[in-house]
Amino acid sequence: MQEPTVADMSITDEHIVVATKTKISVICQELSVNPSNAVLVKKGSEILGVVTAKDIFLKMSEGINATKVKVDKMMRINILSIRGDTPLSKGLDVMSSTNPDAIIVTDENDEFIGYFSTRDYREATRKLEAHQLMSARLQRSKKAITEKVQEEDSGGDLLDLLLGGNDDEQEEIEVPSMISLD
């Protein structure tokens, strides 16, 4: 059973991408629809920073006029770039140890393919735990079946082994019926 990857998460939602010279007032219009979205700031093909509604409110409380400021003056720049084909366990380890402002997901050519949100992080930990639990169960089942086959070396098929039908002499069991046809 193959471990899920970072790109298996829902990385195409919960964000918008804007150019570096976009005014905060334009972003506020977008965030009014969904205030939990992250605003990724892009120059060319590179993601340079991130701004959230919380960042905008903080700057406004400091007296900055949001109608005049451009996003590149307000963005946070600690961006972690992680490849989409990275196994989820390794990706989560890197994410938790670096504590970035934002996590972007790239393809094999380092092209942006998505944003890994905090919601994705929570979902990923649940998905990874479920994967590890299922893998452990499959491993135990495989081991038990292998041991049973080696122990009995009966030559019977796997279905007989799993259902416990190895006995050649089985009694026919009469099942009582509620309906009489006499």
N, C-alpha and C. Protein backbone atom coordinates (compact mmCIF):
# COMPACT_ATOMS: atom_id res chain seq x y z
N MET A 1 0.85 -1.17 0.00
CA MET A 1 0.00 0.00 0.00
C MET A 1 0.89 1.24 0.00
N GLN A 2 0.73 2.07 -1.01
CA GLN A 2 1.59 3.23 -1.17
C GLN A 2 1.09 4.40 -0.33
N GLU A 3 2.03 5.07 0.31
CA GLU A 3 1.70 6.22 1.16
C GLU A 3 1.20 7.39 0.31
N PRO A 4 0.20 8.12 0.81
CA PRO A 4 -0.28 9.30 0.07
C PRO A 4 0.82 10.36 -0.03
N THR A 5 0.70 11.22 -1.02
CA THR A 5 1.68 12.29 -1.22
C THR A 5 1.07 13.64 -0.88
N VAL A 6 1.91 14.66 -0.85
CA VAL A 6 1.45 16.02 -0.56
C VAL A 6 0.42 16.46 -1.60
N ALA A 7 0.63 16.12 -2.85
CA ALA A 7 -0.29 16.52 -3.92
C ALA A 7 -1.64 15.80 -3.85
N ASP A 8 -1.75 14.75 -3.05
CA ASP A 8 -3.03 14.05 -2.89
C ASP A 8 -4.02 14.86 -2.05
N MET A 9 -3.55 15.89 -1.40
CA MET A 9 -4.41 16.74 -0.58
C MET A 9 -5.12 17.75 -1.48
N SER A 10 -6.11 18.48 -0.94
CA SER A 10 -6.84 19.48 -1.73
C SER A 10 -6.04 20.79 -1.75
N ILE A 11 -5.09 20.87 -2.65
CA ILE A 11 -4.16 22.00 -2.68
C ILE A 11 -4.56 23.09 -3.66
N THR A 12 -5.68 22.92 -4.34
CA THR A 12 -6.07 23.90 -5.35
C THR A 12 -7.15 24.86 -4.83
N ASP A 13 -7.49 24.76 -3.57
CA ASP A 13 -8.50 25.65 -3.00
C ASP A 13 -7.87 26.50 -1.89
N GLU A 14 -8.66 27.32 -1.27
CA GLU A 14 -8.27 28.12 -0.10
C GLU A 14 -7.17 29.14 -0.38
N HIS A 15 -7.03 29.56 -1.62
CA HIS A 15 -6.05 30.59 -1.92
C HIS A 15 -6.42 31.33 -3.21
N ILE A 16 -5.85 32.50 -3.33
CA ILE A 16 -5.90 33.24 -4.59
C ILE A 16 -4.48 33.69 -4.88
N VAL A 17 -4.19 33.90 -6.13
CA VAL A 17 -2.85 34.32 -6.53
C VAL A 17 -2.97 35.69 -7.19
N VAL A 18 -2.13 36.62 -6.73
CA VAL A 18 -2.14 37.98 -7.28
C VAL A 18 -0.72 38.41 -7.63
N ALA A 19 -0.62 39.44 -8.46
CA ALA A 19 0.68 40.01 -8.83
C ALA A 19 1.20 40.88 -7.68
N THR A 20 2.50 41.13 -7.68
CA THR A 20 3.14 41.88 -6.60
C THR A 20 2.64 43.31 -6.47
N LYS A 21 2.19 43.92 -7.52
CA LYS A 21 1.75 45.33 -7.48
C LYS A 21 0.24 45.49 -7.28
N THR A 22 -0.45 44.41 -6.91
CA THR A 22 -1.89 44.47 -6.66
C THR A 22 -2.15 45.26 -5.38
N LYS A 23 -3.15 46.15 -5.42
CA LYS A 23 -3.49 46.94 -4.24
C LYS A 23 -4.25 46.09 -3.23
N ILE A 24 -4.03 46.38 -1.98
CA ILE A 24 -4.70 45.67 -0.90
C ILE A 24 -6.21 45.81 -1.00
N SER A 25 -6.69 46.95 -1.48
CA SER A 25 -8.15 47.15 -1.62
C SER A 25 -8.77 46.12 -2.57
N VAL A 26 -8.05 45.75 -3.61
CA VAL A 26 -8.54 44.72 -4.54
C VAL A 26 -8.59 43.35 -3.82
N ILE A 27 -7.58 43.08 -3.04
CA ILE A 27 -7.52 41.83 -2.30
C ILE A 27 -8.64 41.77 -1.27
N CYS A 28 -8.94 42.91 -0.65
CA CYS A 28 -10.02 42.95 0.35
C CYS A 28 -11.35 42.56 -0.27
N GLN A 29 -11.57 42.93 -1.53
CA GLN A 29 -12.80 42.52 -2.21
C GLN A 29 -12.86 41.00 -2.33
N GLU A 30 -11.74 40.41 -2.70
CA GLU A 30 -11.68 38.94 -2.82
C GLU A 30 -11.87 38.27 -1.45
N LEU A 31 -11.21 38.83 -0.43
CA LEU A 31 -11.29 38.23 0.91
C LEU A 31 -12.65 38.43 1.56
N SER A 32 -13.41 39.41 1.10
CA SER A 32 -14.76 39.59 1.67
C SER A 32 -15.66 38.41 1.33
N VAL A 33 -15.37 37.74 0.22
CA VAL A 33 -16.13 36.55 -0.18
C VAL A 33 -15.72 35.35 0.67
N ASN A 34 -14.42 35.18 0.87
CA ASN A 34 -13.91 34.07 1.68
C ASN A 34 -12.70 34.55 2.49
N PRO A 35 -12.94 35.05 3.70
CA PRO A 35 -11.85 35.63 4.49
C PRO A 35 -10.79 34.64 4.97
N SER A 36 -11.05 33.35 4.87
CA SER A 36 -10.05 32.38 5.31
C SER A 36 -9.03 32.05 4.22
N ASN A 37 -9.24 32.54 3.01
CA ASN A 37 -8.28 32.29 1.92
C ASN A 37 -6.95 32.98 2.18
N ALA A 38 -5.89 32.39 1.69
CA ALA A 38 -4.58 33.02 1.69
C ALA A 38 -4.39 33.70 0.35
N VAL A 39 -3.68 34.80 0.35
CA VAL A 39 -3.39 35.51 -0.88
C VAL A 39 -1.91 35.28 -1.17
N LEU A 40 -1.63 34.53 -2.22
CA LEU A 40 -0.25 34.25 -2.60
C LEU A 40 0.20 35.31 -3.59
N VAL A 41 1.37 35.86 -3.35
CA VAL A 41 1.90 36.95 -4.17
C VAL A 41 2.92 36.37 -5.14
N LYS A 42 2.66 36.62 -6.43
CA LYS A 42 3.45 35.99 -7.48
C LYS A 42 4.11 37.05 -8.36
N LYS A 43 5.36 36.78 -8.69
CA LYS A 43 6.08 37.61 -9.68
C LYS A 43 6.63 36.65 -10.72
N GLY A 44 6.17 36.80 -11.94
CA GLY A 44 6.53 35.83 -12.98
C GLY A 44 5.90 34.50 -12.64
N SER A 45 6.73 33.46 -12.51
CA SER A 45 6.20 32.15 -12.14
C SER A 45 6.54 31.78 -10.70
N GLU A 46 7.10 32.73 -9.96
CA GLU A 46 7.56 32.45 -8.60
C GLU A 46 6.63 33.06 -7.55
N ILE A 47 6.29 32.27 -6.53
CA ILE A 47 5.52 32.77 -5.40
C ILE A 47 6.51 33.39 -4.42
N LEU A 48 6.33 34.69 -4.15
CA LEU A 48 7.27 35.43 -3.30
C LEU A 48 6.80 35.58 -1.86
N GLY A 49 5.47 35.60 -1.66
CA GLY A 49 4.98 35.85 -0.31
C GLY A 49 3.52 35.49 -0.15
N VAL A 50 3.01 35.78 1.04
CA VAL A 50 1.62 35.48 1.38
C VAL A 50 1.06 36.60 2.25
N VAL A 51 -0.22 36.87 2.07
CA VAL A 51 -0.95 37.83 2.88
C VAL A 51 -2.28 37.19 3.24
N THR A 52 -2.71 37.37 4.48
CA THR A 52 -4.01 36.89 4.92
C THR A 52 -4.84 38.07 5.42
N ALA A 53 -6.12 37.84 5.63
CA ALA A 53 -6.98 38.89 6.17
C ALA A 53 -6.46 39.37 7.52
N LYS A 54 -5.94 38.46 8.31
CA LYS A 54 -5.37 38.81 9.61
C LYS A 54 -4.21 39.79 9.45
N ASP A 55 -3.34 39.56 8.45
CA ASP A 55 -2.22 40.47 8.19
C ASP A 55 -2.72 41.87 7.83
N ILE A 56 -3.76 41.91 7.01
CA ILE A 56 -4.31 43.20 6.58
C ILE A 56 -4.90 43.95 7.77
N PHE A 57 -5.67 43.26 8.60
CA PHE A 57 -6.25 43.90 9.78
C PHE A 57 -5.17 44.41 10.72
N LEU A 58 -4.11 43.63 10.90
CA LEU A 58 -3.01 44.04 11.77
C LEU A 58 -2.36 45.33 11.25
N LYS A 59 -2.09 45.37 9.95
CA LYS A 59 -1.46 46.56 9.36
C LYS A 59 -2.39 47.77 9.42
N MET A 60 -3.68 47.53 9.22
CA MET A 60 -4.65 48.64 9.31
C MET A 60 -4.72 49.18 10.74
N SER A 61 -4.60 48.30 11.72
CA SER A 61 -4.61 48.75 13.11
C SER A 61 -3.37 49.57 13.45
N GLU A 62 -2.31 49.38 12.68
CA GLU A 62 -1.09 50.18 12.85
C GLU A 62 -1.15 51.50 12.10
N GLY A 63 -2.27 51.74 11.37
CA GLY A 63 -2.47 53.01 10.69
C GLY A 63 -2.19 52.99 9.20
N ILE A 64 -1.92 51.85 8.61
CA ILE A 64 -1.66 51.78 7.17
C ILE A 64 -2.98 51.86 6.41
N ASN A 65 -3.01 52.67 5.36
CA ASN A 65 -4.20 52.84 4.52
C ASN A 65 -4.22 51.74 3.45
N ALA A 66 -5.16 50.83 3.57
CA ALA A 66 -5.23 49.66 2.69
C ALA A 66 -5.57 50.03 1.25
N THR A 67 -6.15 51.20 1.02
CA THR A 67 -6.51 51.56 -0.35
C THR A 67 -5.31 52.00 -1.17
N LYS A 68 -4.22 52.35 -0.49
CA LYS A 68 -3.05 52.87 -1.21
C LYS A 68 -1.87 51.89 -1.24
N VAL A 69 -1.84 50.95 -0.33
CA VAL A 69 -0.69 50.05 -0.20
C VAL A 69 -0.81 48.89 -1.18
N LYS A 70 0.33 48.50 -1.73
CA LYS A 70 0.37 47.32 -2.61
C LYS A 70 0.76 46.10 -1.78
N VAL A 71 0.36 44.95 -2.26
CA VAL A 71 0.50 43.70 -1.52
C VAL A 71 1.96 43.35 -1.21
N ASP A 72 2.88 43.72 -2.08
CA ASP A 72 4.28 43.37 -1.84
C ASP A 72 4.88 44.12 -0.65
N LYS A 73 4.22 45.18 -0.18
CA LYS A 73 4.69 45.92 1.00
C LYS A 73 4.16 45.30 2.30
N MET A 74 3.23 44.38 2.18
CA MET A 74 2.59 43.80 3.36
C MET A 74 2.82 42.29 3.49
N MET A 75 3.32 41.67 2.46
CA MET A 75 3.41 40.20 2.46
C MET A 75 4.49 39.68 3.41
N ARG A 76 4.23 38.46 3.88
CA ARG A 76 5.24 37.71 4.65
C ARG A 76 5.98 36.82 3.66
N ILE A 77 7.26 36.63 3.85
CA ILE A 77 8.07 35.99 2.80
C ILE A 77 8.69 34.65 3.16
N ASN A 78 8.38 34.10 4.33
CA ASN A 78 8.93 32.80 4.70
C ASN A 78 8.08 31.70 4.05
N ILE A 79 8.38 31.41 2.79
CA ILE A 79 7.60 30.45 2.00
C ILE A 79 8.36 29.14 1.88
N LEU A 80 7.70 28.05 2.22
CA LEU A 80 8.26 26.72 2.05
C LEU A 80 7.71 26.13 0.76
N SER A 81 8.60 25.70 -0.10
CA SER A 81 8.20 25.05 -1.34
C SER A 81 8.48 23.56 -1.20
N ILE A 82 7.46 22.76 -1.46
CA ILE A 82 7.61 21.31 -1.33
C ILE A 82 7.03 20.65 -2.57
N ARG A 83 7.70 19.63 -3.05
CA ARG A 83 7.23 18.93 -4.26
C ARG A 83 5.99 18.11 -3.97
N GLY A 84 5.10 18.07 -4.93
CA GLY A 84 3.85 17.35 -4.79
C GLY A 84 4.01 15.85 -4.63
N ASP A 85 5.09 15.28 -5.17
CA ASP A 85 5.28 13.84 -5.08
C ASP A 85 5.99 13.41 -3.79
N THR A 86 6.19 14.35 -2.87
CA THR A 86 6.80 14.04 -1.58
C THR A 86 5.81 13.21 -0.75
N PRO A 87 6.28 12.09 -0.17
CA PRO A 87 5.39 11.30 0.70
C PRO A 87 4.87 12.18 1.84
N LEU A 88 3.62 11.97 2.20
CA LEU A 88 2.97 12.81 3.19
C LEU A 88 3.71 12.83 4.53
N SER A 89 4.21 11.70 4.98
CA SER A 89 4.92 11.67 6.27
C SER A 89 6.15 12.56 6.25
N LYS A 90 6.91 12.50 5.17
CA LYS A 90 8.11 13.33 5.06
C LYS A 90 7.72 14.81 4.94
N GLY A 91 6.70 15.09 4.16
CA GLY A 91 6.24 16.47 3.99
C GLY A 91 5.77 17.08 5.31
N LEU A 92 5.00 16.32 6.09
CA LEU A 92 4.52 16.82 7.37
C LEU A 92 5.67 17.07 8.34
N ASP A 93 6.68 16.21 8.30
CA ASP A 93 7.87 16.41 9.15
C ASP A 93 8.57 17.73 8.81
N VAL A 94 8.77 17.95 7.52
CA VAL A 94 9.44 19.18 7.07
C VAL A 94 8.61 20.40 7.45
N MET A 95 7.31 20.32 7.23
CA MET A 95 6.42 21.45 7.52
C MET A 95 6.45 21.81 9.00
N SER A 96 6.36 20.80 9.85
CA SER A 96 6.29 21.07 11.29
C SER A 96 7.63 21.54 11.85
N SER A 97 8.72 21.16 11.22
CA SER A 97 10.03 21.57 11.75
C SER A 97 10.47 22.96 11.26
N THR A 98 9.88 23.46 10.17
CA THR A 98 10.31 24.75 9.64
C THR A 98 9.40 25.91 10.00
N ASN A 99 8.14 25.65 10.31
CA ASN A 99 7.17 26.68 10.68
C ASN A 99 7.13 27.86 9.71
N PRO A 100 6.80 27.60 8.44
CA PRO A 100 6.77 28.68 7.43
C PRO A 100 5.50 29.52 7.51
N ASP A 101 5.53 30.68 6.82
CA ASP A 101 4.34 31.53 6.71
C ASP A 101 3.34 30.90 5.76
N ALA A 102 3.83 30.21 4.74
CA ALA A 102 2.97 29.54 3.76
C ALA A 102 3.73 28.37 3.16
N ILE A 103 2.96 27.38 2.71
CA ILE A 103 3.55 26.21 2.07
C ILE A 103 2.95 26.11 0.67
N ILE A 104 3.83 26.16 -0.32
CA ILE A 104 3.35 25.99 -1.69
C ILE A 104 3.82 24.63 -2.20
N VAL A 105 3.05 24.08 -3.10
CA VAL A 105 3.35 22.77 -3.67
C VAL A 105 3.73 22.97 -5.12
N THR A 106 4.83 22.32 -5.52
CA THR A 106 5.33 22.45 -6.89
C THR A 106 5.41 21.09 -7.55
N ASP A 107 5.48 21.11 -8.88
CA ASP A 107 5.64 19.86 -9.63
C ASP A 107 7.13 19.58 -9.81
N GLU A 108 7.43 18.58 -10.63
CA GLU A 108 8.83 18.18 -10.85
C GLU A 108 9.67 19.26 -11.54
N ASN A 109 9.00 20.23 -12.17
CA ASN A 109 9.70 21.35 -12.83
C ASN A 109 9.71 22.61 -11.97
N ASP A 110 9.40 22.46 -10.70
CA ASP A 110 9.31 23.57 -9.74
C ASP A 110 8.27 24.60 -10.11
N GLU A 111 7.23 24.19 -10.85
CA GLU A 111 6.12 25.07 -11.18
C GLU A 111 5.06 24.96 -10.09
N PHE A 112 4.48 26.07 -9.70
CA PHE A 112 3.45 26.13 -8.67
C PHE A 112 2.22 25.32 -9.09
N ILE A 113 1.77 24.40 -8.22
CA ILE A 113 0.55 23.64 -8.50
C ILE A 113 -0.49 23.79 -7.39
N GLY A 114 -0.10 24.35 -6.24
CA GLY A 114 -1.09 24.51 -5.19
C GLY A 114 -0.54 25.05 -3.89
N TYR A 115 -1.47 25.28 -2.98
CA TYR A 115 -1.19 25.85 -1.67
C TYR A 115 -1.61 24.84 -0.61
N PHE A 116 -0.74 24.56 0.34
CA PHE A 116 -1.01 23.60 1.41
C PHE A 116 -1.43 24.41 2.64
N SER A 117 -2.73 24.41 2.92
CA SER A 117 -3.29 25.24 3.99
C SER A 117 -3.20 24.54 5.35
N THR A 118 -3.57 25.27 6.39
CA THR A 118 -3.62 24.66 7.72
C THR A 118 -4.71 23.59 7.77
N ARG A 119 -5.79 23.80 7.04
CA ARG A 119 -6.85 22.78 6.96
C ARG A 119 -6.30 21.52 6.28
N ASP A 120 -5.50 21.70 5.23
CA ASP A 120 -4.87 20.57 4.55
C ASP A 120 -3.94 19.83 5.51
N TYR A 121 -3.23 20.58 6.35
CA TYR A 121 -2.31 19.97 7.31
C TYR A 121 -3.08 19.07 8.28
N ARG A 122 -4.19 19.57 8.82
CA ARG A 122 -4.99 18.75 9.75
C ARG A 122 -5.55 17.52 9.04
N GLU A 123 -6.04 17.72 7.82
CA GLU A 123 -6.58 16.59 7.05
C GLU A 123 -5.47 15.58 6.72
N ALA A 124 -4.29 16.09 6.43
CA ALA A 124 -3.16 15.22 6.08
C ALA A 124 -2.74 14.36 7.26
N THR A 125 -2.74 14.92 8.46
CA THR A 125 -2.36 14.11 9.62
C THR A 125 -3.37 12.99 9.85
N ARG A 126 -4.67 13.30 9.65
CA ARG A 126 -5.69 12.24 9.78
C ARG A 126 -5.53 11.19 8.69
N LYS A 127 -5.28 11.64 7.47
CA LYS A 127 -5.13 10.72 6.35
C LYS A 127 -3.90 9.82 6.54
N LEU A 128 -2.81 10.40 7.03
CA LEU A 128 -1.59 9.63 7.26
C LEU A 128 -1.79 8.61 8.38
N GLU A 129 -2.46 9.00 9.45
CA GLU A 129 -2.74 8.07 10.54
C GLU A 129 -3.59 6.90 10.04
N ALA A 130 -4.60 7.19 9.23
CA ALA A 130 -5.45 6.13 8.68
C ALA A 130 -4.64 5.21 7.77
N HIS A 131 -3.76 5.80 6.96
CA HIS A 131 -2.92 5.00 6.07
C HIS A 131 -2.00 4.08 6.88
N GLN A 132 -1.38 4.63 7.93
CA GLN A 132 -0.47 3.83 8.74
C GLN A 132 -1.20 2.71 9.47
N LEU A 133 -2.41 2.99 9.94
CA LEU A 133 -3.22 1.97 10.61
C LEU A 133 -3.59 0.86 9.63
N MET A 134 -4.02 1.24 8.43
CA MET A 134 -4.39 0.25 7.42
C MET A 134 -3.17 -0.57 7.00
N SER A 135 -2.03 0.06 6.84
CA SER A 135 -0.81 -0.65 6.47
C SER A 135 -0.43 -1.66 7.55
N ALA A 136 -0.54 -1.26 8.81
CA ALA A 136 -0.21 -2.18 9.91
C ALA A 136 -1.16 -3.37 9.93
N ARG A 137 -2.45 -3.11 9.70
CA ARG A 137 -3.43 -4.21 9.67
C ARG A 137 -3.15 -5.16 8.51
N LEU A 138 -2.86 -4.61 7.35
CA LEU A 138 -2.54 -5.46 6.19
C LEU A 138 -1.29 -6.29 6.45
N GLN A 139 -0.30 -5.69 7.08
CA GLN A 139 0.95 -6.40 7.39
C GLN A 139 0.67 -7.56 8.35
N ARG A 140 -0.15 -7.31 9.40
CA ARG A 140 -0.49 -8.38 10.35
C ARG A 140 -1.27 -9.49 9.66
N SER A 141 -2.21 -9.11 8.79
CA SER A 141 -3.00 -10.12 8.07
C SER A 141 -2.11 -10.96 7.16
N LYS A 142 -1.21 -10.30 6.46
CA LYS A 142 -0.29 -11.01 5.56
C LYS A 142 0.57 -11.99 6.36
N LYS A 143 1.05 -11.53 7.50
CA LYS A 143 1.90 -12.38 8.34
C LYS A 143 1.11 -13.59 8.85
N ALA A 144 -0.13 -13.35 9.31
CA ALA A 144 -0.96 -14.45 9.83
C ALA A 144 -1.28 -15.46 8.75
N ILE A 145 -1.61 -15.01 7.57
CA ILE A 145 -1.92 -15.92 6.46
C ILE A 145 -0.68 -16.71 6.07
N THR A 146 0.46 -16.05 5.98
CA THR A 146 1.71 -16.73 5.63
C THR A 146 2.04 -17.81 6.66
N GLU A 147 1.91 -17.47 7.95
CA GLU A 147 2.19 -18.45 9.00
C GLU A 147 1.23 -19.64 8.92
N LYS A 148 -0.04 -19.36 8.66
CA LYS A 148 -1.03 -20.43 8.59
C LYS A 148 -0.75 -21.35 7.41
N VAL A 149 -0.39 -20.78 6.28
CA VAL A 149 -0.08 -21.59 5.10
C VAL A 149 1.14 -22.46 5.38
N GLN A 150 2.15 -21.89 5.99
CA GLN A 150 3.36 -22.66 6.29
C GLN A 150 3.08 -23.74 7.34
N GLU A 151 2.23 -23.42 8.28
CA GLU A 151 1.89 -24.36 9.34
C GLU A 151 1.12 -25.57 8.80
N GLU A 152 0.16 -25.31 7.96
CA GLU A 152 -0.68 -26.40 7.47
C GLU A 152 -0.16 -27.01 6.19
N ASP A 153 0.44 -26.20 5.35
CA ASP A 153 0.97 -26.66 4.07
C ASP A 153 0.00 -27.63 3.41
N SER A 154 -1.28 -27.23 3.42
CA SER A 154 -2.34 -28.13 2.99
C SER A 154 -2.52 -28.22 1.49
N GLY A 155 -2.03 -27.24 0.79
CA GLY A 155 -2.21 -27.26 -0.64
C GLY A 155 -3.59 -26.77 -1.05
N GLY A 156 -4.44 -26.41 -0.08
CA GLY A 156 -5.76 -25.88 -0.38
C GLY A 156 -5.64 -24.46 -0.92
N ASP A 157 -6.74 -23.95 -1.41
CA ASP A 157 -6.66 -22.60 -1.95
C ASP A 157 -6.84 -21.56 -0.84
N LEU A 158 -6.55 -20.33 -1.17
CA LEU A 158 -6.57 -19.23 -0.21
C LEU A 158 -7.97 -19.01 0.36
N LEU A 159 -9.01 -19.17 -0.45
CA LEU A 159 -10.37 -18.98 0.02
C LEU A 159 -10.71 -20.00 1.11
N ASP A 160 -10.32 -21.24 0.90
CA ASP A 160 -10.55 -22.26 1.93
C ASP A 160 -9.82 -21.91 3.21
N LEU A 161 -8.60 -21.41 3.06
CA LEU A 161 -7.81 -21.04 4.23
C LEU A 161 -8.47 -19.90 4.99
N LEU A 162 -8.92 -18.88 4.28
CA LEU A 162 -9.53 -17.72 4.92
C LEU A 162 -10.87 -18.05 5.56
N LEU A 163 -11.65 -18.92 4.91
CA LEU A 163 -12.96 -19.27 5.43
C LEU A 163 -12.92 -20.45 6.40
N GLY A 164 -11.77 -21.06 6.53
CA GLY A 164 -11.64 -22.18 7.45
C GLY A 164 -12.24 -23.45 6.91
N GLY A 165 -12.35 -23.59 5.59
CA GLY A 165 -12.98 -24.76 5.00
C GLY A 165 -11.98 -25.79 4.54
N ASN A 166 -11.00 -26.15 5.33
CA ASN A 166 -9.97 -27.11 4.92
C ASN A 166 -10.39 -28.56 5.16
N ASP A 167 -11.40 -28.77 5.98
CA ASP A 167 -11.79 -30.14 6.32
C ASP A 167 -12.46 -30.80 5.12
N ASP A 168 -11.93 -31.99 4.76
CA ASP A 168 -12.52 -32.72 3.64
C ASP A 168 -13.85 -33.34 4.03
N GLU A 169 -13.98 -33.76 5.30
CA GLU A 169 -15.19 -34.40 5.76
C GLU A 169 -16.03 -33.39 6.52
N GLN A 170 -16.90 -32.71 5.79
CA GLN A 170 -17.77 -31.75 6.45
C GLN A 170 -19.15 -32.35 6.59
N GLU A 171 -19.74 -32.14 7.75
CA GLU A 171 -21.09 -32.63 7.98
C GLU A 171 -22.07 -31.67 7.34
N GLU A 172 -23.13 -32.24 6.83
CA GLU A 172 -24.18 -31.40 6.29
C GLU A 172 -25.06 -30.99 7.45
N ILE A 173 -25.26 -29.71 7.63
CA ILE A 173 -26.03 -29.20 8.75
C ILE A 173 -27.44 -28.93 8.28
N GLU A 174 -28.41 -29.46 9.01
CA GLU A 174 -29.80 -29.24 8.67
C GLU A 174 -30.24 -27.93 9.28
N VAL A 175 -30.80 -27.07 8.46
CA VAL A 175 -31.27 -25.78 8.92
C VAL A 175 -32.77 -25.87 9.11
N PRO A 176 -33.26 -25.58 10.32
CA PRO A 176 -34.72 -25.67 10.54
C PRO A 176 -35.45 -24.61 9.74
N SER A 177 -36.63 -25.00 9.29
CA SER A 177 -37.43 -24.10 8.48
C SER A 177 -38.73 -23.78 9.18
N MET A 178 -39.18 -22.58 9.03
CA MET A 178 -40.44 -22.16 9.63
C MET A 178 -41.63 -22.56 8.77
N ILE A 179 -41.40 -22.82 7.49
CA ILE A 179 -42.47 -23.15 6.57
C ILE A 179 -42.47 -24.63 6.29
N SER A 180 -43.61 -25.26 6.37
CA SER A 180 -43.74 -26.67 6.08
C SER A 180 -44.47 -26.84 4.75
N LEU A 181 -43.94 -27.65 3.88
CA LEU A 181 -44.52 -27.86 2.57
C LEU A 181 -45.34 -29.16 2.52
N ASP A 182 -45.59 -29.78 3.62
CA ASP A 182 -46.36 -31.03 3.66
C ASP A 182 -47.82 -30.82 3.42
